Amino acid sequence: MARVLYALLALTIVAAPASGQGLRDKIDELFIFGSGGDPLFLSGTADPNNPTSIQVHGTHFVPSAVESNGTLISFLSTAIGSNITNLPISATSSGRTFRFEGGAPVATSTSPGPVFAERAQTLGRGRVLVGASMSVFKFKSVRGVPLDNIQLNFTHQNVDFAGCDSVSGGDCSLMGIPTLENDVIALTLDLNVDVTSTIFLLSYGLLDWVDVSVAVPIISTSLRGTSAAQVVPFGGPQATHFFEGTPTNAELSASRFVEGSATGLGDVAARLKIRLGQSQTAAFAILGDARFATGSEVDLLGSGRTSVRGLGIVSAQFGAFAPHANVGYVYREGDLQNDALLATLGFDHMLSNWAALAVEVISELQVGESQLTVPDPVTIDVPFRRTIDLTNIPNRRDDIINGSVGMKFVTSTGLRIIANALFPLNTGGLRPSLAWTAGLEYNF
């Protein structure tokens, strides 16, 4: 067991995240066109070779000037980061579990156990479970919107300065006065976000009824994206806002391509499971775990916040059929992630003495209104009242409901091979169309 602990410790040391610019910065780069370095800065409009009256318009869309534009950009990076760091971790106990009577082991379960859900049986005093699994997530949508067709509309700053009313011939507190405030930047995003999560698990039977465990994830995240932006002028003989060129020969379109990847330690989890009662057919336990902020937030490897989870676990064994249910709560630090109610229902079933089927429905239901929101539509008052929807991403809860179907194969040496598919049953949050898991586990 000591060798296993040393190996896990070594992984936490050597698996450092990639240095340099973080992947979150890559997302911001999708909104940077031409020179300048600020998202939505119009370098053409700010060109000192253009007339002085035009120079001031280069910063009228940047997030520091328009709060809603900054909120849109930060929504994307936060949505991607928070969902990546809440990926499921495999169960703490698996294979046959035991209790000891008079020094002799007595089996408390004969099934190989679930893949992601927890069962109430504990390993037994002195027994060890080691496991390694790899899960591949190719994210396809956010709140039901395809990642290759995210629509964003960025509106102009509501300009109001001393003397603006007399210069513009109207009330500058109204959106649309001066007329240039009607200009919009329409942007389409095509994102590819892929994550590979390799988790090393060690569980130890501290007592017959108490297990302790640690899960060490190594996360590999890759990001590739293309943005296509178009200034949509409201009218007039010449352009006020543009990416390159001059007011009479303006370039109103721009695009950007970025890619990057990072690999390193994710958020390490420590767990404690206590079995409170057990009969010949059923058992009840509680589990507490904490995920620590050990992964790099800037490289989309960790959340940057600690989360704590508590579960009540009920499981049973009826011959080859072993149902289980988990109900609990997860607390998450920070202002942009919600706490959630947790509920999992499933079973594992021995199909033969060497193969078992594991089926689960895994749900995470947000507590309260979503902390991660897109800005409300912007209303332009003049010359006529109209509303600009800022994105096709809806403002709604990020409840997560997944289905999980897998197989466990038991070899003659006792080594178990895991193959599993995880698929979404709703459209909340950042989701793949299908996630694959393959793993190995062994009890001794």
Protein backbone atom coordinates (compact mmCIF):
# COMPACT_ATOMS: atom_id res chain seq x y z
CA MET A 1 0.00 0.00 0.00
CA ALA A 2 2.88 2.38 0.77
CA ARG A 3 4.14 2.04 -2.80
CA VAL A 4 0.71 3.00 -4.14
CA LEU A 5 0.62 6.09 -1.91
CA TYR A 6 4.10 7.15 -3.05
CA ALA A 7 3.07 6.70 -6.68
CA LEU A 8 -0.01 8.91 -6.23
CA LEU A 9 2.11 11.54 -4.45
CA ALA A 10 4.58 11.53 -7.32
CA LEU A 11 1.77 12.13 -9.79
CA THR A 12 0.64 15.22 -7.91
CA ILE A 13 4.18 16.61 -8.11
CA VAL A 14 5.11 15.92 -11.74
CA ALA A 15 1.73 16.59 -13.33
CA ALA A 16 2.04 20.37 -13.28
CA PRO A 17 -0.10 22.42 -15.64
CA ALA A 18 1.37 23.89 -18.79
CA SER A 19 3.17 27.17 -18.25
CA GLY A 20 2.66 30.40 -20.14
CA GLN A 21 -0.62 31.79 -21.31
CA GLY A 22 -3.67 30.03 -19.90
CA LEU A 23 -6.51 28.51 -21.88
CA ARG A 24 -8.95 31.00 -20.37
CA ASP A 25 -6.90 33.74 -22.05
CA LYS A 26 -7.30 31.88 -25.34
CA ILE A 27 -11.05 32.34 -25.05
CA ASP A 28 -10.57 36.09 -24.61
CA GLU A 29 -8.35 36.12 -27.71
CA LEU A 30 -11.31 35.08 -29.85
CA PHE A 31 -12.66 38.61 -29.35
CA ILE A 32 -9.42 40.46 -30.16
CA PHE A 33 -9.12 41.66 -33.75
CA GLY A 34 -6.14 43.54 -35.15
CA SER A 35 -3.82 45.52 -32.90
CA GLY A 36 -4.71 46.72 -29.45
CA GLY A 37 -4.98 43.66 -27.24
CA ASP A 38 -8.37 44.48 -25.72
CA PRO A 39 -11.44 42.38 -26.66
CA LEU A 40 -13.67 44.23 -29.17
CA PHE A 41 -11.18 47.08 -29.59
CA LEU A 42 -11.63 48.55 -33.09
CA SER A 43 -8.08 49.29 -34.18
CA GLY A 44 -9.19 50.67 -37.55
CA THR A 45 -11.53 53.18 -35.95
CA ALA A 46 -8.79 54.20 -33.49
CA ASP A 47 -6.15 54.66 -36.22
CA PRO A 48 -4.53 58.08 -35.70
CA ASN A 49 -4.36 58.48 -39.49
CA ASN A 50 -8.16 58.72 -39.53
CA PRO A 51 -9.90 62.01 -38.71
CA THR A 52 -9.69 63.04 -35.06
CA SER A 53 -13.46 62.81 -34.64
CA ILE A 54 -13.26 59.10 -35.50
CA GLN A 55 -10.40 58.14 -33.15
CA VAL A 56 -12.52 58.21 -30.00
CA HIS A 57 -14.81 55.41 -31.24
CA GLY A 58 -12.25 52.58 -31.04
CA THR A 59 -13.08 51.71 -27.42
CA HIS A 60 -16.86 52.03 -27.47
CA PHE A 61 -17.47 48.25 -27.52
CA VAL A 62 -14.71 47.05 -25.17
CA PRO A 63 -15.88 45.27 -21.98
CA SER A 64 -14.52 48.02 -19.72
CA ALA A 65 -16.88 50.45 -21.47
CA VAL A 66 -19.89 48.14 -21.90
CA GLU A 67 -20.59 45.86 -18.93
CA SER A 68 -22.88 43.49 -20.83
CA ASN A 69 -20.16 42.82 -23.42
CA GLY A 70 -17.75 41.80 -20.66
CA THR A 71 -20.40 39.61 -19.07
CA LEU A 72 -20.94 37.74 -22.34
CA ILE A 73 -17.24 36.96 -22.72
CA SER A 74 -16.75 35.95 -19.08
CA PHE A 75 -19.84 33.72 -19.26
CA LEU A 76 -18.21 31.50 -21.87
CA SER A 77 -14.91 31.02 -20.04
CA THR A 78 -16.65 30.42 -16.70
CA ALA A 79 -19.19 27.98 -18.18
CA ILE A 80 -16.42 25.95 -19.79
CA GLY A 81 -14.17 26.00 -16.72
CA SER A 82 -16.79 25.14 -14.10
CA ASN A 83 -18.24 22.23 -16.08
CA ILE A 84 -14.84 20.71 -16.85
CA THR A 85 -13.91 20.66 -13.16
CA ASN A 86 -17.15 18.96 -12.06
CA LEU A 87 -16.62 15.78 -14.06
CA PRO A 88 -17.70 12.56 -12.27
CA ILE A 89 -15.21 10.43 -10.32
CA SER A 90 -15.49 6.63 -10.10
CA ALA A 91 -16.95 4.86 -7.06
CA THR A 92 -14.94 4.43 -3.85
CA SER A 93 -15.64 0.70 -3.45
CA SER A 94 -15.84 -2.05 -6.02
CA GLY A 95 -15.55 -5.79 -6.38
CA ARG A 96 -16.35 -8.13 -3.53
CA THR A 97 -16.60 -6.49 -0.11
CA PHE A 98 -16.12 -8.16 3.26
CA ARG A 99 -16.56 -7.99 6.99
CA PHE A 100 -14.58 -10.08 9.42
CA GLU A 101 -16.08 -12.50 11.96
CA GLY A 102 -13.65 -14.23 14.27
CA GLY A 103 -10.80 -13.20 11.99
CA ALA A 104 -12.39 -14.84 8.94
CA PRO A 105 -13.62 -12.74 5.98
CA VAL A 106 -17.34 -12.92 5.22
CA ALA A 107 -18.50 -11.50 1.88
CA THR A 108 -21.00 -8.63 2.12
CA SER A 109 -21.41 -8.31 -1.66
CA THR A 110 -20.59 -10.50 -4.62
CA SER A 111 -21.23 -8.04 -7.45
CA PRO A 112 -18.42 -5.90 -8.92
CA GLY A 113 -20.34 -2.72 -8.03
CA PRO A 114 -21.40 0.45 -9.89
CA VAL A 115 -19.17 2.64 -12.04
CA PHE A 116 -19.90 6.20 -10.81
CA ALA A 117 -22.56 5.73 -8.12
CA GLU A 118 -21.76 4.73 -4.56
CA ARG A 119 -22.91 1.59 -2.76
CA ALA A 120 -23.21 1.27 1.01
CA GLN A 121 -20.95 -1.75 1.47
CA THR A 122 -17.43 -1.03 2.65
CA LEU A 123 -14.25 -2.84 1.65
CA GLY A 124 -13.51 -4.43 5.02
CA ARG A 125 -10.70 -3.74 7.50
CA GLY A 126 -7.28 -3.67 5.86
CA ARG A 127 -8.53 -4.27 2.33
CA VAL A 128 -7.45 -2.00 -0.53
CA LEU A 129 -8.97 -0.95 -3.85
CA VAL A 130 -6.72 0.58 -6.48
CA GLY A 131 -8.04 1.78 -9.79
CA ALA A 132 -7.26 3.90 -12.82
CA SER A 133 -9.76 5.14 -15.38
CA MET A 134 -9.69 7.38 -18.42
CA SER A 135 -12.74 9.36 -19.56
CA VAL A 136 -12.92 11.27 -22.85
CA PHE A 137 -15.32 14.21 -23.19
CA LYS A 138 -15.86 16.01 -26.50
CA PHE A 139 -18.18 18.85 -25.57
CA LYS A 140 -20.84 19.70 -28.15
CA SER A 141 -23.28 22.18 -26.62
CA VAL A 142 -23.85 24.73 -23.89
CA ARG A 143 -27.42 24.98 -22.56
CA GLY A 144 -28.58 23.18 -25.69
CA VAL A 145 -26.85 25.57 -28.13
CA PRO A 146 -24.30 23.87 -30.43
CA LEU A 147 -20.76 25.01 -29.67
CA ASP A 148 -20.13 25.44 -33.40
CA ASN A 149 -22.92 28.03 -33.73
CA ILE A 150 -22.86 30.39 -30.76
CA GLN A 151 -24.30 33.77 -31.71
CA LEU A 152 -23.26 36.92 -29.82
CA ASN A 153 -24.29 40.54 -30.34
CA PHE A 154 -22.17 43.28 -28.79
CA THR A 155 -23.78 46.69 -28.35
CA HIS A 156 -22.28 50.17 -28.20
CA GLN A 157 -21.51 52.12 -25.07
CA ASN A 158 -24.26 54.54 -24.04
CA VAL A 159 -22.25 57.74 -24.51
CA ASP A 160 -23.18 60.72 -22.39
CA PHE A 161 -20.77 63.56 -21.63
CA ALA A 162 -20.95 67.25 -20.80
CA GLY A 163 -22.45 69.06 -23.79
CA CYS A 164 -23.51 65.81 -25.50
CA ASP A 165 -27.16 66.85 -25.69
CA SER A 166 -26.41 70.04 -27.61
CA VAL A 167 -23.88 68.38 -29.92
CA SER A 168 -26.19 65.44 -30.73
CA GLY A 169 -29.44 67.34 -30.78
CA GLY A 170 -31.17 65.08 -28.27
CA ASP A 171 -31.10 63.43 -24.84
CA CYS A 172 -27.82 61.47 -24.70
CA SER A 173 -29.04 59.48 -21.70
CA LEU A 174 -31.21 57.56 -24.18
CA MET A 175 -29.62 54.62 -26.00
CA GLY A 176 -29.44 55.62 -29.67
CA ILE A 177 -28.38 59.24 -29.22
CA PRO A 178 -26.00 59.93 -30.87
CA THR A 179 -27.10 57.75 -33.81
CA LEU A 180 -23.80 55.80 -33.88
CA GLU A 181 -24.98 54.00 -30.70
CA ASN A 182 -27.22 51.91 -32.97
CA ASP A 183 -24.18 50.10 -34.43
CA VAL A 184 -23.77 46.46 -33.34
CA ILE A 185 -20.98 43.89 -33.64
CA ALA A 186 -22.47 40.51 -34.54
CA LEU A 187 -20.16 37.57 -33.83
CA THR A 188 -20.39 33.83 -34.48
CA LEU A 189 -18.28 31.36 -32.49
CA ASP A 190 -17.22 27.85 -33.45
CA LEU A 191 -15.66 26.12 -30.42
CA ASN A 192 -14.12 22.70 -29.92
CA VAL A 193 -13.48 21.75 -26.30
CA ASP A 194 -12.05 18.28 -25.58
CA VAL A 195 -11.13 16.92 -22.16
CA THR A 196 -9.44 13.70 -21.13
CA SER A 197 -9.70 12.91 -17.43
CA THR A 198 -7.39 10.20 -16.07
CA ILE A 199 -8.19 9.37 -12.46
CA PHE A 200 -6.10 7.30 -10.06
CA LEU A 201 -8.12 5.99 -7.12
CA LEU A 202 -7.00 4.45 -3.86
CA SER A 203 -9.49 3.25 -1.21
CA TYR A 204 -8.53 1.63 2.10
CA GLY A 205 -10.68 -0.19 4.63
CA LEU A 206 -9.72 1.61 7.82
CA LEU A 207 -12.28 -0.43 9.79
CA ASP A 208 -14.87 -3.00 8.79
CA TRP A 209 -17.35 -0.14 8.48
CA VAL A 210 -15.09 2.79 7.49
CA ASP A 211 -13.35 3.41 4.16
CA VAL A 212 -11.02 6.29 3.32
CA SER A 213 -10.00 7.12 -0.21
CA VAL A 214 -8.27 9.63 -2.43
CA ALA A 215 -8.82 10.33 -6.12
CA VAL A 216 -6.07 12.06 -8.09
CA PRO A 217 -7.18 13.35 -11.52
CA ILE A 218 -4.82 14.22 -14.33
CA ILE A 219 -6.70 16.50 -16.73
CA SER A 220 -5.84 17.23 -20.34
CA THR A 221 -7.84 20.05 -21.93
CA SER A 222 -7.63 21.23 -25.51
CA LEU A 223 -9.39 24.24 -26.96
CA ARG A 224 -9.78 25.26 -30.57
CA GLY A 225 -11.99 28.08 -31.71
CA THR A 226 -12.86 30.40 -34.58
CA SER A 227 -14.71 33.70 -34.33
CA ALA A 228 -16.23 35.65 -37.20
CA ALA A 229 -17.24 39.24 -36.40
CA GLN A 230 -19.26 41.71 -38.44
CA VAL A 231 -19.87 45.36 -37.66
CA VAL A 232 -23.51 46.09 -38.50
CA PRO A 233 -23.72 49.86 -39.13
CA PHE A 234 -27.04 51.57 -38.65
CA GLY A 235 -26.66 53.78 -41.71
CA GLY A 236 -25.05 56.90 -43.11
CA PRO A 237 -22.71 57.66 -46.00
CA GLN A 238 -19.62 56.48 -44.11
CA ALA A 239 -18.77 54.03 -41.35
CA THR A 240 -18.08 55.13 -37.81
CA HIS A 241 -17.00 51.73 -36.47
CA PHE A 242 -14.80 49.34 -38.45
CA PHE A 243 -11.89 46.93 -38.02
CA GLU A 244 -9.58 48.27 -40.74
CA GLY A 245 -9.61 50.88 -43.50
CA THR A 246 -11.12 54.33 -43.54
CA PRO A 247 -14.64 55.69 -42.95
CA THR A 248 -15.31 55.71 -46.72
CA ASN A 249 -13.53 52.39 -47.42
CA ALA A 250 -14.14 50.44 -44.23
CA GLU A 251 -13.46 46.78 -43.48
CA LEU A 252 -16.46 45.67 -41.43
CA SER A 253 -15.56 41.96 -41.10
CA ALA A 254 -12.85 40.22 -39.07
CA SER A 255 -12.05 36.72 -37.88
CA ARG A 256 -9.77 35.04 -35.36
CA PHE A 257 -8.54 31.49 -34.83
CA VAL A 258 -7.01 30.24 -31.58
CA GLU A 259 -5.95 26.89 -30.22
CA GLY A 260 -4.16 25.62 -27.16
CA SER A 261 -3.91 22.75 -24.72
CA ALA A 262 -2.84 22.07 -21.16
CA THR A 263 -2.22 18.95 -19.09
CA GLY A 264 -1.78 18.75 -15.36
CA LEU A 265 -3.14 17.91 -11.96
CA GLY A 266 -6.88 18.44 -11.54
CA ASP A 267 -8.82 18.94 -8.31
CA VAL A 268 -7.85 16.16 -5.90
CA ALA A 269 -10.69 14.53 -3.95
CA ALA A 270 -10.52 12.98 -0.47
CA ARG A 271 -13.39 10.83 0.81
CA LEU A 272 -14.68 9.14 3.93
CA LYS A 273 -17.44 6.52 3.86
CA ILE A 274 -19.10 5.16 7.00
CA ARG A 275 -21.43 2.17 6.87
CA LEU A 276 -24.15 2.72 9.49
CA GLY A 277 -26.10 -0.50 9.14
CA GLN A 278 -26.22 -3.72 7.18
CA SER A 279 -28.40 -6.79 6.88
CA GLN A 280 -28.11 -9.82 4.64
CA THR A 281 -29.82 -7.99 1.79
CA ALA A 282 -29.42 -4.25 2.40
CA ALA A 283 -27.01 -1.65 3.75
CA PHE A 284 -26.99 2.06 4.55
CA ALA A 285 -24.00 4.42 4.63
CA ILE A 286 -23.00 8.06 4.51
CA LEU A 287 -20.17 9.53 2.49
CA GLY A 288 -18.40 12.85 2.68
CA ASP A 289 -15.81 14.11 0.24
CA ALA A 290 -14.00 17.31 -0.62
CA ARG A 291 -12.51 18.39 -3.92
CA PHE A 292 -9.61 20.72 -3.30
CA ALA A 293 -8.56 23.55 -5.62
CA THR A 294 -5.33 21.87 -6.73
CA GLY A 295 -5.90 22.22 -10.48
CA SER A 296 -4.97 25.29 -12.51
CA GLU A 297 -8.03 27.48 -13.02
CA VAL A 298 -6.37 29.55 -15.75
CA ASP A 299 -5.61 26.40 -17.76
CA LEU A 300 -9.13 24.94 -17.33
CA LEU A 301 -7.76 22.07 -15.23
CA GLY A 302 -9.40 23.02 -11.93
CA SER A 303 -12.19 25.14 -10.54
CA GLY A 304 -10.06 27.37 -8.33
CA ARG A 305 -12.55 26.67 -5.52
CA THR A 306 -13.10 23.91 -2.97
CA SER A 307 -16.32 21.90 -3.04
CA VAL A 308 -17.70 19.59 -0.34
CA ARG A 309 -20.21 16.79 -0.92
CA GLY A 310 -22.32 14.71 1.45
CA LEU A 311 -24.29 11.61 0.42
CA GLY A 312 -26.71 9.18 1.98
CA ILE A 313 -26.34 5.75 0.36
CA VAL A 314 -28.73 2.79 0.26
CA SER A 315 -27.89 -0.43 -1.55
CA ALA A 316 -29.19 -3.97 -1.64
CA GLN A 317 -28.32 -7.39 -3.02
CA PHE A 318 -30.91 -9.80 -4.41
CA GLY A 319 -28.98 -12.65 -5.89
CA ALA A 320 -27.24 -11.35 -9.01
CA PHE A 321 -29.15 -8.04 -8.92
CA ALA A 322 -27.80 -5.17 -6.78
CA PRO A 323 -29.75 -1.85 -6.80
CA HIS A 324 -28.45 1.33 -5.17
CA ALA A 325 -29.56 4.91 -4.54
CA ASN A 326 -27.60 8.03 -3.53
CA VAL A 327 -29.07 11.31 -2.30
CA GLY A 328 -27.02 14.27 -1.17
CA TYR A 329 -25.86 17.88 -1.43
CA VAL A 330 -22.75 19.59 -2.80
CA TYR A 331 -21.50 22.93 -1.50
CA ARG A 332 -19.29 24.97 -3.83
CA GLU A 333 -17.24 28.02 -2.91
CA GLY A 334 -17.34 31.10 -5.08
CA ASP A 335 -19.94 33.39 -6.59
CA LEU A 336 -20.34 31.79 -10.02
CA GLN A 337 -21.09 28.16 -9.10
CA ASN A 338 -24.31 26.94 -7.54
CA ASP A 339 -24.71 24.42 -4.78
CA ALA A 340 -26.68 21.42 -5.96
CA LEU A 341 -28.91 18.58 -4.81
CA LEU A 342 -27.56 15.20 -5.89
CA ALA A 343 -29.56 12.09 -6.72
CA THR A 344 -28.41 8.85 -8.36
CA LEU A 345 -30.39 5.69 -8.98
CA GLY A 346 -29.06 2.54 -10.57
CA PHE A 347 -28.12 -1.10 -10.35
CA ASP A 348 -25.42 -3.57 -11.27
CA HIS A 349 -26.31 -7.07 -12.37
CA MET A 350 -24.11 -10.15 -12.69
CA LEU A 351 -24.65 -11.57 -16.17
CA SER A 352 -22.14 -14.36 -15.54
CA ASN A 353 -19.32 -15.05 -13.12
CA TRP A 354 -17.03 -12.84 -15.24
CA ALA A 355 -19.28 -10.06 -16.58
CA ALA A 356 -21.65 -7.54 -15.00
CA LEU A 357 -23.87 -4.75 -16.32
CA ALA A 358 -23.98 -1.38 -14.51
CA VAL A 359 -26.76 1.15 -15.24
CA GLU A 360 -27.21 4.53 -13.52
CA VAL A 361 -29.11 7.81 -13.81
CA ILE A 362 -26.98 10.58 -12.30
CA SER A 363 -28.54 13.96 -11.56
CA GLU A 364 -27.34 17.27 -10.17
CA LEU A 365 -30.07 19.87 -9.59
CA GLN A 366 -29.07 23.47 -8.91
CA VAL A 367 -30.07 25.14 -5.68
CA GLY A 368 -31.54 28.60 -6.26
CA GLU A 369 -31.30 30.75 -9.35
CA SER A 370 -28.29 30.15 -11.57
CA GLN A 371 -25.25 32.20 -10.58
CA LEU A 372 -23.96 31.99 -14.14
CA THR A 373 -26.13 34.22 -16.32
CA VAL A 374 -25.98 35.91 -19.69
CA PRO A 375 -26.91 39.61 -19.79
CA ASP A 376 -30.45 40.74 -20.53
CA PRO A 377 -31.35 42.08 -23.98
CA VAL A 378 -30.40 45.70 -24.67
CA THR A 379 -33.10 48.19 -25.63
CA ILE A 380 -32.24 50.97 -28.09
CA ASP A 381 -34.66 53.88 -27.76
CA VAL A 382 -33.87 56.17 -30.72
CA PRO A 383 -34.68 56.61 -33.59
CA PHE A 384 -37.18 53.85 -32.83
CA ARG A 385 -37.47 51.43 -29.94
CA ARG A 386 -36.01 47.98 -30.59
CA THR A 387 -34.52 45.16 -28.54
CA ILE A 388 -31.20 43.43 -29.27
CA ASP A 389 -30.86 39.85 -28.00
CA LEU A 390 -27.22 39.52 -26.99
CA THR A 391 -26.88 35.77 -27.53
CA ASN A 392 -28.70 32.61 -28.54
CA ILE A 393 -27.58 31.01 -25.26
CA PRO A 394 -30.63 31.01 -22.95
CA ASN A 395 -30.72 32.18 -19.36
CA ARG A 396 -31.76 29.06 -17.47
CA ARG A 397 -30.74 26.56 -14.82
CA ASP A 398 -27.80 24.26 -15.45
CA ASP A 399 -29.37 21.11 -14.06
CA ILE A 400 -27.37 18.06 -15.13
CA ILE A 401 -29.00 14.66 -15.73
CA ASN A 402 -26.87 11.91 -17.27
CA GLY A 403 -27.45 8.29 -18.12
CA SER A 404 -24.63 5.80 -17.62
CA VAL A 405 -24.37 2.28 -19.07
CA GLY A 406 -21.29 0.17 -18.56
CA MET A 407 -19.81 -3.28 -18.24
CA LYS A 408 -17.34 -4.75 -15.78
CA PHE A 409 -15.34 -7.80 -16.77
CA VAL A 410 -13.61 -9.91 -14.12
CA THR A 411 -10.40 -11.68 -15.15
CA SER A 412 -9.01 -14.88 -13.64
CA THR A 413 -6.53 -12.82 -11.61
CA GLY A 414 -9.29 -10.69 -10.07
CA LEU A 415 -8.42 -7.63 -12.15
CA ARG A 416 -11.58 -5.89 -13.37
CA ILE A 417 -11.88 -4.13 -16.71
CA ILE A 418 -14.40 -1.27 -17.02
CA ALA A 419 -16.05 0.06 -20.17
CA ASN A 420 -18.73 2.73 -19.80
CA ALA A 421 -20.71 5.28 -21.81
CA LEU A 422 -22.10 8.47 -20.22
CA PHE A 423 -24.73 10.43 -22.16
CA PRO A 424 -26.87 13.51 -21.41
CA LEU A 425 -30.59 13.20 -20.67
CA ASN A 426 -31.16 16.97 -20.66
CA THR A 427 -29.50 20.09 -22.08
CA GLY A 428 -28.25 22.02 -19.04
CA GLY A 429 -24.66 23.21 -18.82
CA LEU A 430 -21.74 22.30 -21.06
CA ARG A 431 -22.37 18.80 -22.42
CA PRO A 432 -20.85 16.15 -24.67
CA SER A 433 -23.06 14.03 -26.89
CA LEU A 434 -21.34 10.95 -25.43
CA ALA A 435 -18.45 10.38 -23.03
CA TRP A 436 -16.44 7.17 -22.92
CA THR A 437 -14.71 5.69 -19.89
CA ALA A 438 -12.26 2.78 -19.77
CA GLY A 439 -10.56 1.61 -16.60
CA LEU A 440 -8.94 -1.04 -14.46
CA GLU A 441 -9.44 -1.83 -10.77
CA TYR A 442 -8.17 -4.40 -8.34
CA ASN A 443 -8.90 -5.39 -4.72
CA PHE A 444 -6.43 -6.98 -2.32
